[in-house]
Amino acid sequence: MSGFSINAQEGAANPVHNNNPVFEGWYADPEGIIFDNKYWIYPTYSAPYDKQVFFDAFSSPDLVHWTKHEKVLDTTSVKWAKRAVWAPSIIKKGDKYFLFFGANDIQSDEEYGGIGVAVASRPEGPFKDYLGKPLIDKFHNGAQPIDQFVFRDADGKHYLIYGGWKHCNIAQLNDDFTGFIPFENGEIFREITPENYVEGPFMFIRDGKYYFMWSEGGWTGPDYSVAYAIADSPMGPFKRIDKILQQDMDIATGAGHHSVIKVPRKDRWYIVYHRRPLDETDRNSRETCIDEMHFDDNGFILPVKITVEGVKSDPLE
């Protein structure tokens, strides 16, 4: 698939910085990840639900120069997805790339849709529907089947962490990602909802600890933000510690629905998130940004300063 280059810092005073947003266009719910010695971002195309029917992806060797890969997945390849695909989450397993997504914005078990999976042989796609149906199509433990994040544990097990409507579930994926492996007690979907959770879960491991992050507040409002908890297991229990990402009325509103990128072999971390420009009131006017994320000496995440400057060039070795 062809792409075209975007130099987000052209004309900027400092040539080693890219300005936030990192690329042009309305994009939200960004998942940042590293594949094949490149940074990748897979965001939601932020538009009215009936137009939000495809995903673009963006790749960069250094967080400054971005290449757009258009329509890596389109609902024409997912027959059951009629409207509103969003919040992609991707992982490489073997020689395949699996893209998890929410579709149709179902409001009850009587509606058809939920969380789907697409597969491709390259990170830029094209992705095709993997199952021909949703992977999760029902409300379990009160969680709307949206905002999926696929997490690879240190032992190689893969989990799907997901949920809207203030409920979050974790489920262990089977080896080929066609379904789930029940937990010891027979349950498939285990609720791990922390205090104030709304949506947008994300998990990573640092120094043997599991950091669970999520979005709070309403995505259309000024209270949208990101908080976190730490536990010794991906099952928790997760006790909310603090809010670490939120709007700055000098810069932008509605900062939330994030992901985290760790630079390989270094203790350097970036938070990838969306926010709304100060002069925008449309709920879909969201842009993707990157800022640095730091920890204190005890391993707690420090509050993130959202910036216009963005981050310095950071080529992968």
Protein backbone atom coordinates (compact mmCIF):
# COMPACT_ATOMS: atom_id res chain seq x y z
CA MET A 1 0.00 0.00 0.00
CA SER A 2 1.43 3.35 -0.92
CA GLY A 3 1.83 6.11 1.60
CA PHE A 4 2.81 9.73 1.49
CA SER A 5 5.20 11.52 3.79
CA ILE A 6 4.19 14.06 6.36
CA ASN A 7 6.83 16.24 7.94
CA ALA A 8 4.90 17.61 10.88
CA GLN A 9 7.65 20.07 11.80
CA GLU A 10 8.11 21.87 8.50
CA GLY A 11 8.45 25.55 9.16
CA ALA A 12 8.98 25.01 12.86
CA ALA A 13 11.63 27.04 14.62
CA ASN A 14 13.29 23.95 16.06
CA PRO A 15 14.06 21.33 13.38
CA VAL A 16 14.50 18.50 15.91
CA HIS A 17 10.94 18.83 17.23
CA ASN A 18 7.72 17.90 15.57
CA ASN A 19 4.79 20.04 16.57
CA ASN A 20 1.76 18.51 18.24
CA PRO A 21 -0.38 17.24 16.62
CA VAL A 22 2.04 14.79 15.07
CA PHE A 23 0.14 14.55 11.78
CA GLU A 24 -2.68 16.43 10.13
CA GLY A 25 -6.32 15.45 10.28
CA TRP A 26 -8.88 14.53 12.90
CA TYR A 27 -7.71 11.32 14.56
CA ALA A 28 -8.45 9.93 18.02
CA ASP A 29 -7.87 6.90 20.31
CA PRO A 30 -4.33 6.38 18.99
CA GLU A 31 -2.45 3.16 19.62
CA GLY A 32 1.30 3.58 19.36
CA ILE A 33 3.55 0.57 18.86
CA ILE A 34 6.91 -0.39 17.34
CA PHE A 35 7.16 -2.78 14.38
CA ASP A 36 10.20 -3.50 12.22
CA ASN A 37 12.28 -0.67 13.71
CA LYS A 38 9.59 1.92 13.07
CA TYR A 39 7.10 3.70 15.26
CA TRP A 40 3.50 3.12 14.23
CA ILE A 41 0.28 4.83 15.24
CA TYR A 42 -3.15 3.31 14.56
CA PRO A 43 -5.87 5.86 15.40
CA THR A 44 -9.61 6.19 15.00
CA TYR A 45 -10.61 8.31 12.03
CA SER A 46 -12.60 10.88 13.97
CA ALA A 47 -15.81 11.62 12.09
CA PRO A 48 -19.58 11.15 12.40
CA TYR A 49 -20.26 7.45 13.01
CA ASP A 50 -21.61 6.73 9.55
CA LYS A 51 -18.39 8.10 8.00
CA GLN A 52 -16.05 6.54 10.55
CA VAL A 53 -15.76 3.32 8.57
CA PHE A 54 -12.02 2.88 7.96
CA PHE A 55 -8.62 3.11 9.62
CA ASP A 56 -5.54 4.97 8.43
CA ALA A 57 -2.14 4.20 9.97
CA PHE A 58 1.02 6.26 10.30
CA SER A 59 4.65 5.17 10.52
CA SER A 60 7.83 7.02 11.44
CA PRO A 61 11.52 6.19 11.89
CA ASP A 62 12.01 8.95 14.46
CA LEU A 63 8.69 10.35 15.79
CA VAL A 64 9.19 13.43 13.58
CA HIS A 65 8.71 12.34 9.97
CA TRP A 66 5.47 10.44 9.42
CA THR A 67 4.16 8.43 6.48
CA LYS A 68 0.42 8.00 6.12
CA HIS A 69 -0.90 4.58 5.06
CA GLU A 70 -4.42 5.12 3.88
CA LYS A 71 -7.32 2.81 4.65
CA VAL A 72 -5.35 -0.10 6.09
CA LEU A 73 -8.77 -1.51 7.01
CA ASP A 74 -12.12 -0.58 5.50
CA THR A 75 -15.52 -1.93 6.49
CA THR A 76 -15.99 -3.13 2.94
CA SER A 77 -13.70 -5.95 4.13
CA VAL A 78 -15.77 -6.54 7.27
CA LYS A 79 -19.29 -7.41 6.14
CA TRP A 80 -20.83 -7.32 9.62
CA ALA A 81 -19.42 -3.86 10.44
CA LYS A 82 -22.02 -1.37 9.24
CA ARG A 83 -20.84 1.81 10.97
CA ALA A 84 -18.43 3.33 13.45
CA VAL A 85 -15.20 1.38 13.68
CA TRP A 86 -12.82 2.78 16.26
CA ALA A 87 -10.07 2.36 18.87
CA PRO A 88 -7.84 -0.09 16.97
CA SER A 89 -5.36 -2.24 18.87
CA ILE A 90 -2.71 -4.23 17.06
CA ILE A 91 -0.18 -6.94 17.85
CA LYS A 92 2.20 -9.11 15.86
CA LYS A 93 2.04 -12.86 16.44
CA GLY A 94 4.20 -15.13 14.33
CA ASP A 95 4.33 -13.60 10.89
CA LYS A 96 0.87 -12.02 11.08
CA TYR A 97 -0.45 -8.72 12.35
CA PHE A 98 -3.78 -8.84 14.18
CA LEU A 99 -5.86 -5.67 14.38
CA PHE A 100 -8.63 -5.63 16.99
CA PHE A 101 -11.39 -3.03 16.59
CA GLY A 102 -14.83 -2.03 17.82
CA ALA A 103 -17.71 -1.73 15.38
CA ASN A 104 -21.37 -0.68 15.19
CA ASP A 105 -21.47 0.94 18.66
CA ILE A 106 -23.99 -1.59 19.92
CA GLN A 107 -26.15 -0.49 22.84
CA SER A 108 -27.55 -3.87 23.90
CA ASP A 109 -27.23 -7.61 23.34
CA GLU A 110 -30.05 -7.34 20.81
CA GLU A 111 -27.90 -5.32 18.41
CA TYR A 112 -25.24 -6.93 16.22
CA GLY A 113 -21.64 -5.81 16.45
CA GLY A 114 -18.93 -5.52 19.06
CA ILE A 115 -15.21 -6.32 18.93
CA GLY A 116 -13.75 -7.75 15.74
CA VAL A 117 -10.36 -8.93 14.50
CA ALA A 118 -8.65 -8.32 11.18
CA VAL A 119 -5.39 -9.82 9.93
CA ALA A 120 -2.62 -8.85 7.53
CA SER A 121 0.88 -9.95 6.61
CA ARG A 122 2.28 -6.40 6.89
CA PRO A 123 1.72 -3.64 9.46
CA GLU A 124 0.40 -1.35 6.72
CA GLY A 125 -2.15 -3.91 5.65
CA PRO A 126 -4.36 -4.33 3.82
CA PHE A 127 -6.23 -5.97 6.72
CA LYS A 128 -9.04 -8.43 6.11
CA ASP A 129 -11.73 -9.70 8.46
CA TYR A 130 -10.32 -12.66 10.38
CA LEU A 131 -13.41 -14.31 11.83
CA GLY A 132 -16.32 -13.20 9.65
CA LYS A 133 -18.15 -12.22 12.84
CA PRO A 134 -17.42 -10.35 16.08
CA LEU A 135 -15.04 -11.88 18.60
CA ILE A 136 -17.17 -10.40 21.40
CA ASP A 137 -20.76 -9.44 20.59
CA LYS A 138 -22.41 -9.25 24.02
CA PHE A 139 -22.29 -7.17 27.18
CA HIS A 140 -20.41 -9.14 29.85
CA ASN A 141 -20.28 -7.75 33.40
CA GLY A 142 -21.94 -4.60 32.08
CA ALA A 143 -19.05 -3.74 29.75
CA GLN A 144 -19.93 -2.41 26.32
CA PRO A 145 -17.76 -4.40 23.85
CA ILE A 146 -15.53 -1.51 22.74
CA ASP A 147 -12.08 -0.02 23.40
CA GLN A 148 -10.18 -3.26 23.13
CA PHE A 149 -6.48 -3.54 23.98
CA VAL A 150 -4.51 -6.71 23.30
CA PHE A 151 -1.79 -7.30 25.88
CA ARG A 152 1.08 -9.77 25.68
CA ASP A 153 2.22 -10.83 29.15
CA ALA A 154 5.82 -11.64 30.03
CA ASP A 155 5.00 -15.36 29.89
CA GLY A 156 3.73 -15.08 26.31
CA LYS A 157 0.02 -15.28 27.12
CA HIS A 158 -2.22 -12.82 25.31
CA TYR A 159 -5.11 -11.04 26.95
CA LEU A 160 -7.87 -8.83 25.62
CA ILE A 161 -8.64 -5.97 27.98
CA TYR A 162 -11.70 -3.98 26.98
CA GLY A 163 -14.87 -2.23 27.94
CA GLY A 164 -16.97 0.89 27.91
CA TRP A 165 -19.88 2.02 30.08
CA LYS A 166 -17.64 2.16 33.18
CA HIS A 167 -16.83 -1.56 33.19
CA CYS A 168 -13.57 -3.26 32.17
CA ASN A 169 -12.99 -6.95 31.50
CA ILE A 170 -9.93 -9.07 30.88
CA ALA A 171 -10.04 -12.36 28.94
CA GLN A 172 -7.26 -14.71 27.86
CA LEU A 173 -7.06 -15.18 24.11
CA ASN A 174 -6.50 -18.64 22.69
CA ASP A 175 -3.46 -19.40 20.55
CA ASP A 176 -4.95 -18.43 17.19
CA PHE A 177 -7.04 -15.49 18.45
CA THR A 178 -10.32 -17.12 17.45
CA GLY A 179 -11.70 -17.19 20.98
CA PHE A 180 -10.81 -17.36 24.65
CA ILE A 181 -9.40 -19.72 27.27
CA PRO A 182 -11.47 -19.84 30.47
CA PHE A 183 -9.83 -18.93 33.77
CA GLU A 184 -9.40 -21.54 36.51
CA ASN A 185 -12.87 -20.90 37.90
CA GLY A 186 -14.48 -21.32 34.50
CA GLU A 187 -15.23 -17.67 33.83
CA ILE A 188 -14.13 -16.17 30.52
CA PHE A 189 -14.60 -12.46 31.14
CA ARG A 190 -13.18 -11.28 34.45
CA GLU A 191 -14.02 -7.79 35.60
CA ILE A 192 -11.04 -5.67 36.74
CA THR A 193 -12.75 -2.27 36.82
CA PRO A 194 -10.91 0.29 39.00
CA GLU A 195 -12.38 3.39 40.61
CA ASN A 196 -13.52 6.08 38.13
CA TYR A 197 -12.92 3.86 35.09
CA VAL A 198 -14.91 4.87 32.02
CA GLU A 199 -13.15 3.45 28.92
CA GLY A 200 -9.89 3.27 26.97
CA PRO A 201 -7.84 0.64 28.89
CA PHE A 202 -4.11 0.17 28.37
CA MET A 203 -1.55 -1.99 30.18
CA PHE A 204 2.23 -2.30 30.26
CA ILE A 205 4.91 -3.86 32.46
CA ARG A 206 7.77 -1.92 34.08
CA ASP A 207 10.16 -3.42 36.63
CA GLY A 208 7.91 -6.43 37.08
CA LYS A 209 4.85 -4.34 37.93
CA TYR A 210 1.65 -4.14 35.88
CA TYR A 211 0.56 -0.60 35.08
CA PHE A 212 -3.10 -0.36 34.17
CA MET A 213 -4.29 2.90 32.64
CA TRP A 214 -7.70 4.13 31.51
CA SER A 215 -9.72 7.19 30.53
CA GLU A 216 -12.07 9.00 32.87
CA GLY A 217 -14.80 11.57 32.28
CA GLY A 218 -16.75 12.08 29.06
CA TRP A 219 -14.96 11.99 25.73
CA THR A 220 -16.82 15.03 24.44
CA GLY A 221 -16.19 17.12 27.54
CA PRO A 222 -13.44 18.98 29.39
CA ASP A 223 -13.11 16.31 32.11
CA TYR A 224 -11.71 13.65 29.75
CA SER A 225 -8.43 12.46 31.25
CA VAL A 226 -6.19 9.47 31.99
CA ALA A 227 -5.54 7.77 35.35
CA TYR A 228 -3.65 4.65 36.40
CA ALA A 229 -3.11 1.89 38.94
CA ILE A 230 -0.30 -0.60 39.63
CA ALA A 231 -0.56 -4.29 40.56
CA ASP A 232 1.48 -7.49 40.67
CA SER A 233 -0.74 -9.27 38.13
CA PRO A 234 -2.71 -8.36 35.00
CA MET A 235 -5.77 -9.43 37.02
CA GLY A 236 -5.15 -6.74 39.62
CA PRO A 237 -6.59 -5.82 41.98
CA PHE A 238 -6.11 -2.32 40.63
CA LYS A 239 -6.45 0.55 43.09
CA ARG A 240 -6.54 3.96 41.43
CA ILE A 241 -3.43 6.01 42.19
CA ASP A 242 -3.82 9.30 40.36
CA LYS A 243 -4.70 11.18 37.21
CA ILE A 244 -1.66 11.76 34.99
CA LEU A 245 -3.01 13.25 31.75
CA GLN A 246 -5.60 15.99 31.39
CA GLN A 247 -6.41 19.15 29.51
CA ASP A 248 -4.43 22.37 29.80
CA MET A 249 -6.56 25.42 29.03
CA ASP A 250 -3.52 27.16 27.58
CA ILE A 251 -3.00 24.36 25.06
CA ALA A 252 -5.94 22.01 24.42
CA THR A 253 -8.99 20.36 25.99
CA GLY A 254 -10.21 16.79 26.37
CA ALA A 255 -6.84 15.03 26.56
CA GLY A 256 -7.41 11.29 26.84
CA HIS A 257 -7.76 7.82 25.29
CA HIS A 258 -4.09 7.10 25.10
CA SER A 259 -1.45 4.45 24.60
CA VAL A 260 2.17 4.17 25.66
CA ILE A 261 5.36 3.47 23.69
CA LYS A 262 8.54 2.26 25.36
CA VAL A 263 11.79 2.70 23.45
CA PRO A 264 13.49 -0.71 23.23
CA ARG A 265 16.40 -1.32 25.61
CA LYS A 266 15.91 2.09 27.23
CA ASP A 267 13.80 3.42 30.09
CA ARG A 268 12.28 6.05 27.82
CA TRP A 269 8.51 6.32 27.48
CA TYR A 270 6.07 8.28 25.35
CA ILE A 271 2.35 8.77 25.80
CA VAL A 272 0.28 8.94 22.61
CA TYR A 273 -3.16 10.49 23.05
CA HIS A 274 -5.79 12.70 21.50
CA ARG A 275 -6.97 16.15 22.45
CA ARG A 276 -9.23 18.89 21.12
CA PRO A 277 -7.87 22.27 19.95
CA LEU A 278 -9.03 25.23 22.03
CA ASP A 279 -10.92 26.76 19.12
CA GLU A 280 -12.85 23.57 18.29
CA THR A 281 -16.24 22.63 19.72
CA ASP A 282 -17.21 19.76 17.40
CA ARG A 283 -16.94 16.50 19.33
CA ASN A 284 -15.09 14.85 16.45
CA SER A 285 -12.41 17.55 16.17
CA ARG A 286 -9.71 15.51 17.85
CA GLU A 287 -6.02 15.34 16.99
CA THR A 288 -3.25 12.89 17.86
CA CYS A 289 -0.32 14.08 19.97
CA ILE A 290 2.77 12.64 21.66
CA ASP A 291 4.50 13.81 24.82
CA GLU A 292 7.08 12.36 27.17
CA MET A 293 6.04 10.25 30.15
CA HIS A 294 8.27 10.00 33.22
CA PHE A 295 8.39 8.04 36.48
CA ASP A 296 9.60 9.03 39.93
CA ASP A 297 12.13 7.00 41.94
CA ASN A 298 9.34 4.88 43.41
CA GLY A 299 7.92 3.94 40.02
CA PHE A 300 4.90 6.23 40.09
CA ILE A 301 3.97 8.01 36.88
CA LEU A 302 4.52 11.75 37.01
CA PRO A 303 1.81 14.07 35.66
CA VAL A 304 2.31 14.53 31.92
CA LYS A 305 2.74 18.04 30.61
CA ILE A 306 0.90 18.34 27.32
CA THR A 307 2.83 20.50 24.89
CA VAL A 308 2.68 22.18 21.53
CA GLU A 309 6.33 21.34 20.87
CA GLY A 310 5.85 17.60 21.07
CA VAL A 311 8.89 15.32 21.35
CA LYS A 312 12.41 15.36 19.98
CA SER A 313 13.55 13.18 17.14
CA ASP A 314 14.20 9.72 18.56
CA PRO A 315 15.42 7.33 15.84
CA LEU A 316 15.20 3.65 16.65
CA GLU A 317 18.53 1.85 16.76
